[in-house]
Amino acid sequence: MPETDRLNATFAALADPTRRAILARLALGETSVQKLAEPFDISLPAISRHLKVLEHAGLISRGRDAQMRPCKIDTAGFIGVDHWLEEYRKLWSQSMDKLESYLEVMKAQQATSPAPTRKSRSVKRQGEGHGRKD
């Protein structure tokens, strides 16, 4: 499968919260489809459809034992996503480095410049200081 098709399949698979929850369970270890389906309020055929999507995306693999068909996470399926995200990590890292440099310059400028002085103004209440006597 071409890399763009693999990425599209991976992101489509990850877009569903049930499939993400299935992956979270599989991150704990290999398990059977029946065990995997237990916490979900959906039918076994629906779980199987979710597993097929995850398998097609290369995110899981399924054993060949006809009775159990154990499922496990396939970390190789995440490599393409990791490579794709790496470019964005670089951009964020560069942006954070620039921000850090800017903040260091601002901090240094504040440390070397004198603190601004504030003139105090006295506020007169209405009727005060006008020579009125009550």
C-alpha atoms as a PDB file:
ATOM      1  CA  MET A   1       0.000   0.000   0.000  1.00  0.00           C
ATOM      2  CA  PRO A   2       1.424   3.464  -0.885  1.00  0.00           C
ATOM      3  CA  GLU A   3       2.486   5.577   2.092  1.00  0.00           C
ATOM      4  CA  THR A   4      -0.277   8.194   1.629  1.00  0.00           C
ATOM      5  CA  ASP A   5      -2.916   5.453   1.507  1.00  0.00           C
ATOM      6  CA  ARG A   6      -1.416   3.876   4.642  1.00  0.00           C
ATOM      7  CA  LEU A   7      -1.510   7.242   6.453  1.00  0.00           C
ATOM      8  CA  ASN A   8      -5.106   7.844   5.375  1.00  0.00           C
ATOM      9  CA  ALA A   9      -6.114   4.380   6.594  1.00  0.00           C
ATOM     10  CA  THR A  10      -4.268   4.915   9.880  1.00  0.00           C
ATOM     11  CA  PHE A  11      -5.837   8.291  10.611  1.00  0.00           C
ATOM     12  CA  ALA A  12      -9.276   7.002   9.589  1.00  0.00           C
ATOM     13  CA  ALA A  13      -8.837   4.090  12.001  1.00  0.00           C
ATOM     14  CA  LEU A  14      -7.681   6.392  14.807  1.00  0.00           C
ATOM     15  CA  ALA A  15     -10.582   8.800  14.236  1.00  0.00           C
ATOM     16  CA  ASP A  16     -13.025   6.451  15.959  1.00  0.00           C
ATOM     17  CA  PRO A  17     -13.086   6.531  19.796  1.00  0.00           C
ATOM     18  CA  THR A  18     -14.005   2.834  20.047  1.00  0.00           C
ATOM     19  CA  ARG A  19     -10.992   1.862  17.955  1.00  0.00           C
ATOM     20  CA  ARG A  20      -8.738   4.078  20.074  1.00  0.00           C
ATOM     21  CA  ALA A  21     -10.123   2.359  23.187  1.00  0.00           C
ATOM     22  CA  ILE A  22      -9.430  -1.032  21.601  1.00  0.00           C
ATOM     23  CA  LEU A  23      -5.836   0.041  20.933  1.00  0.00           C
ATOM     24  CA  ALA A  24      -5.497   1.210  24.536  1.00  0.00           C
ATOM     25  CA  ARG A  25      -6.600  -2.236  25.745  1.00  0.00           C
ATOM     26  CA  LEU A  26      -4.242  -3.973  23.329  1.00  0.00           C
ATOM     27  CA  ALA A  27      -1.374  -1.814  24.573  1.00  0.00           C
ATOM     28  CA  LEU A  28      -1.697  -3.827  27.796  1.00  0.00           C
ATOM     29  CA  GLY A  29      -1.084  -7.070  25.932  1.00  0.00           C
ATOM     30  CA  GLU A  30      -2.392  -9.634  23.477  1.00  0.00           C
ATOM     31  CA  THR A  31      -5.961 -10.799  24.031  1.00  0.00           C
ATOM     32  CA  SER A  32      -8.822 -12.644  22.373  1.00  0.00           C
ATOM     33  CA  VAL A  33     -11.605 -10.913  20.481  1.00  0.00           C
ATOM     34  CA  GLN A  34     -14.109 -12.046  23.125  1.00  0.00           C
ATOM     35  CA  LYS A  35     -12.042 -10.585  25.979  1.00  0.00           C
ATOM     36  CA  LEU A  36     -11.439  -7.437  23.980  1.00  0.00           C
ATOM     37  CA  ALA A  37     -15.182  -6.988  23.411  1.00  0.00           C
ATOM     38  CA  GLU A  38     -16.204  -7.355  27.090  1.00  0.00           C
ATOM     39  CA  PRO A  39     -16.147  -3.692  28.190  1.00  0.00           C
ATOM     40  CA  PHE A  40     -17.879  -2.395  25.067  1.00  0.00           C
ATOM     41  CA  ASP A  41     -21.623  -2.070  24.731  1.00  0.00           C
ATOM     42  CA  ILE A  42     -21.601  -3.239  21.111  1.00  0.00           C
ATOM     43  CA  SER A  43     -22.015  -6.605  19.404  1.00  0.00           C
ATOM     44  CA  LEU A  44     -19.187  -9.010  18.681  1.00  0.00           C
ATOM     45  CA  PRO A  45     -19.652  -8.519  14.902  1.00  0.00           C
ATOM     46  CA  ALA A  46     -19.277  -4.743  15.424  1.00  0.00           C
ATOM     47  CA  ILE A  47     -16.044  -5.325  17.364  1.00  0.00           C
ATOM     48  CA  SER A  48     -14.847  -7.568  14.531  1.00  0.00           C
ATOM     49  CA  ARG A  49     -15.511  -4.789  12.018  1.00  0.00           C
ATOM     50  CA  HIS A  50     -13.488  -2.360  14.148  1.00  0.00           C
ATOM     51  CA  LEU A  51     -10.675  -4.911  14.328  1.00  0.00           C
ATOM     52  CA  LYS A  52     -10.692  -5.305  10.541  1.00  0.00           C
ATOM     53  CA  VAL A  53     -10.278  -1.534  10.133  1.00  0.00           C
ATOM     54  CA  LEU A  54      -7.395  -1.523  12.621  1.00  0.00           C
ATOM     55  CA  GLU A  55      -5.822  -4.528  10.920  1.00  0.00           C
ATOM     56  CA  HIS A  56      -6.173  -2.965   7.454  1.00  0.00           C
ATOM     57  CA  ALA A  57      -4.413   0.152   8.778  1.00  0.00           C
ATOM     58  CA  GLY A  58      -1.588  -2.046  10.071  1.00  0.00           C
ATOM     59  CA  LEU A  59      -2.176  -1.050  13.699  1.00  0.00           C
ATOM     60  CA  ILE A  60      -2.971  -4.557  14.947  1.00  0.00           C
ATOM     61  CA  SER A  61      -2.300  -8.120  13.909  1.00  0.00           C
ATOM     62  CA  ARG A  62      -4.460 -11.143  14.553  1.00  0.00           C
ATOM     63  CA  GLY A  63      -3.315 -14.660  15.293  1.00  0.00           C
ATOM     64  CA  ARG A  64      -4.262 -17.609  13.127  1.00  0.00           C
ATOM     65  CA  ASP A  65      -5.653 -19.794  15.920  1.00  0.00           C
ATOM     66  CA  ALA A  66      -9.140 -20.512  14.558  1.00  0.00           C
ATOM     67  CA  GLN A  67     -10.695 -20.736  18.023  1.00  0.00           C
ATOM     68  CA  MET A  68      -9.196 -17.696  19.679  1.00  0.00           C
ATOM     69  CA  ARG A  69      -7.799 -15.356  16.953  1.00  0.00           C
ATOM     70  CA  PRO A  70      -5.721 -13.378  19.483  1.00  0.00           C
ATOM     71  CA  CYS A  71      -5.169  -9.705  18.692  1.00  0.00           C
ATOM     72  CA  LYS A  72      -2.097  -7.675  19.465  1.00  0.00           C
ATOM     73  CA  ILE A  73      -0.935  -4.176  18.735  1.00  0.00           C
ATOM     74  CA  ASP A  74       1.483  -3.850  15.818  1.00  0.00           C
ATOM     75  CA  THR A  75       3.886  -1.012  16.566  1.00  0.00           C
ATOM     76  CA  ALA A  76       5.157  -1.037  12.967  1.00  0.00           C
ATOM     77  CA  GLY A  77       1.807   0.426  11.927  1.00  0.00           C
ATOM     78  CA  PHE A  78       2.545   3.575  13.901  1.00  0.00           C
ATOM     79  CA  ILE A  79       5.904   4.283  12.234  1.00  0.00           C
ATOM     80  CA  GLY A  80       4.395   6.120   9.254  1.00  0.00           C
ATOM     81  CA  VAL A  81       2.371   8.357  11.557  1.00  0.00           C
ATOM     82  CA  ASP A  82       5.442   9.023  13.667  1.00  0.00           C
ATOM     83  CA  HIS A  83       7.452  10.059  10.591  1.00  0.00           C
ATOM     84  CA  TRP A  84       4.623  12.284   9.384  1.00  0.00           C
ATOM     85  CA  LEU A  85       4.309  13.947  12.789  1.00  0.00           C
ATOM     86  CA  GLU A  86       8.073  14.465  13.063  1.00  0.00           C
ATOM     87  CA  GLU A  87       7.939  17.375  10.606  1.00  0.00           C
ATOM     88  CA  TYR A  88       5.366  19.101  12.801  1.00  0.00           C
ATOM     89  CA  ARG A  89       7.374  18.360  15.936  1.00  0.00           C
ATOM     90  CA  LYS A  90      10.313  20.145  14.315  1.00  0.00           C
ATOM     91  CA  LEU A  91       8.145  23.187  13.557  1.00  0.00           C
ATOM     92  CA  TRP A  92       6.837  23.326  17.129  1.00  0.00           C
ATOM     93  CA  SER A  93      10.302  22.837  18.547  1.00  0.00           C
ATOM     94  CA  GLN A  94      11.675  25.671  16.414  1.00  0.00           C
ATOM     95  CA  SER A  95       8.782  27.915  17.467  1.00  0.00           C
ATOM     96  CA  MET A  96       9.365  27.118  21.129  1.00  0.00           C
ATOM     97  CA  ASP A  97      13.106  27.770  20.745  1.00  0.00           C
ATOM     98  CA  LYS A  98      12.359  31.171  19.178  1.00  0.00           C
ATOM     99  CA  LEU A  99       9.924  32.006  21.970  1.00  0.00           C
ATOM    100  CA  GLU A 100      12.456  30.969  24.596  1.00  0.00           C
ATOM    101  CA  SER A 101      15.128  33.179  23.005  1.00  0.00           C
ATOM    102  CA  TYR A 102      12.726  36.113  22.829  1.00  0.00           C
ATOM    103  CA  LEU A 103      11.737  35.710  26.475  1.00  0.00           C
ATOM    104  CA  GLU A 104      15.394  35.552  27.519  1.00  0.00           C
ATOM    105  CA  VAL A 105      16.081  38.821  25.653  1.00  0.00           C
ATOM    106  CA  MET A 106      13.047  40.448  27.297  1.00  0.00           C
ATOM    107  CA  LYS A 107      14.162  39.250  30.722  1.00  0.00           C
ATOM    108  CA  ALA A 108      17.690  40.583  30.150  1.00  0.00           C
ATOM    109  CA  GLN A 109      16.306  43.946  29.015  1.00  0.00           C
ATOM    110  CA  GLN A 110      14.133  44.211  32.104  1.00  0.00           C
ATOM    111  CA  ALA A 111      17.091  43.399  34.335  1.00  0.00           C
ATOM    112  CA  THR A 112      19.256  46.148  32.815  1.00  0.00           C
ATOM    113  CA  SER A 113      16.680  48.914  32.412  1.00  0.00           C
ATOM    114  CA  PRO A 114      15.693  51.078  35.374  1.00  0.00           C
ATOM    115  CA  ALA A 115      12.311  50.495  36.876  1.00  0.00           C
ATOM    116  CA  PRO A 116       9.756  53.068  35.740  1.00  0.00           C
ATOM    117  CA  THR A 117       8.881  55.672  38.335  1.00  0.00           C
ATOM    118  CA  ARG A 118       5.290  56.459  39.096  1.00  0.00           C
ATOM    119  CA  LYS A 119       4.112  59.871  40.139  1.00  0.00           C
ATOM    120  CA  SER A 120       1.654  59.758  42.926  1.00  0.00           C
ATOM    121  CA  ARG A 121      -1.428  61.864  42.541  1.00  0.00           C
ATOM    122  CA  SER A 122      -3.580  62.773  45.434  1.00  0.00           C
ATOM    123  CA  VAL A 123      -7.236  62.492  44.753  1.00  0.00           C
ATOM    124  CA  LYS A 124      -9.377  65.261  46.119  1.00  0.00           C
ATOM    125  CA  ARG A 125     -12.841  64.472  47.259  1.00  0.00           C
ATOM    126  CA  GLN A 126     -15.668  66.542  45.951  1.00  0.00           C
ATOM    127  CA  GLY A 127     -16.070  69.631  48.042  1.00  0.00           C
ATOM    128  CA  GLU A 128     -12.590  69.556  49.587  1.00  0.00           C
ATOM    129  CA  GLY A 129     -10.119  72.337  49.039  1.00  0.00           C
ATOM    130  CA  HIS A 130     -12.564  74.847  47.613  1.00  0.00           C
ATOM    131  CA  GLY A 131     -12.812  77.035  50.669  1.00  0.00           C
ATOM    132  CA  ARG A 132     -16.276  75.830  51.565  1.00  0.00           C
ATOM    133  CA  LYS A 133     -17.185  75.541  55.165  1.00  0.00           C
ATOM    134  CA  ASP A 134     -20.257  73.695  56.205  1.00  0.00           C
END
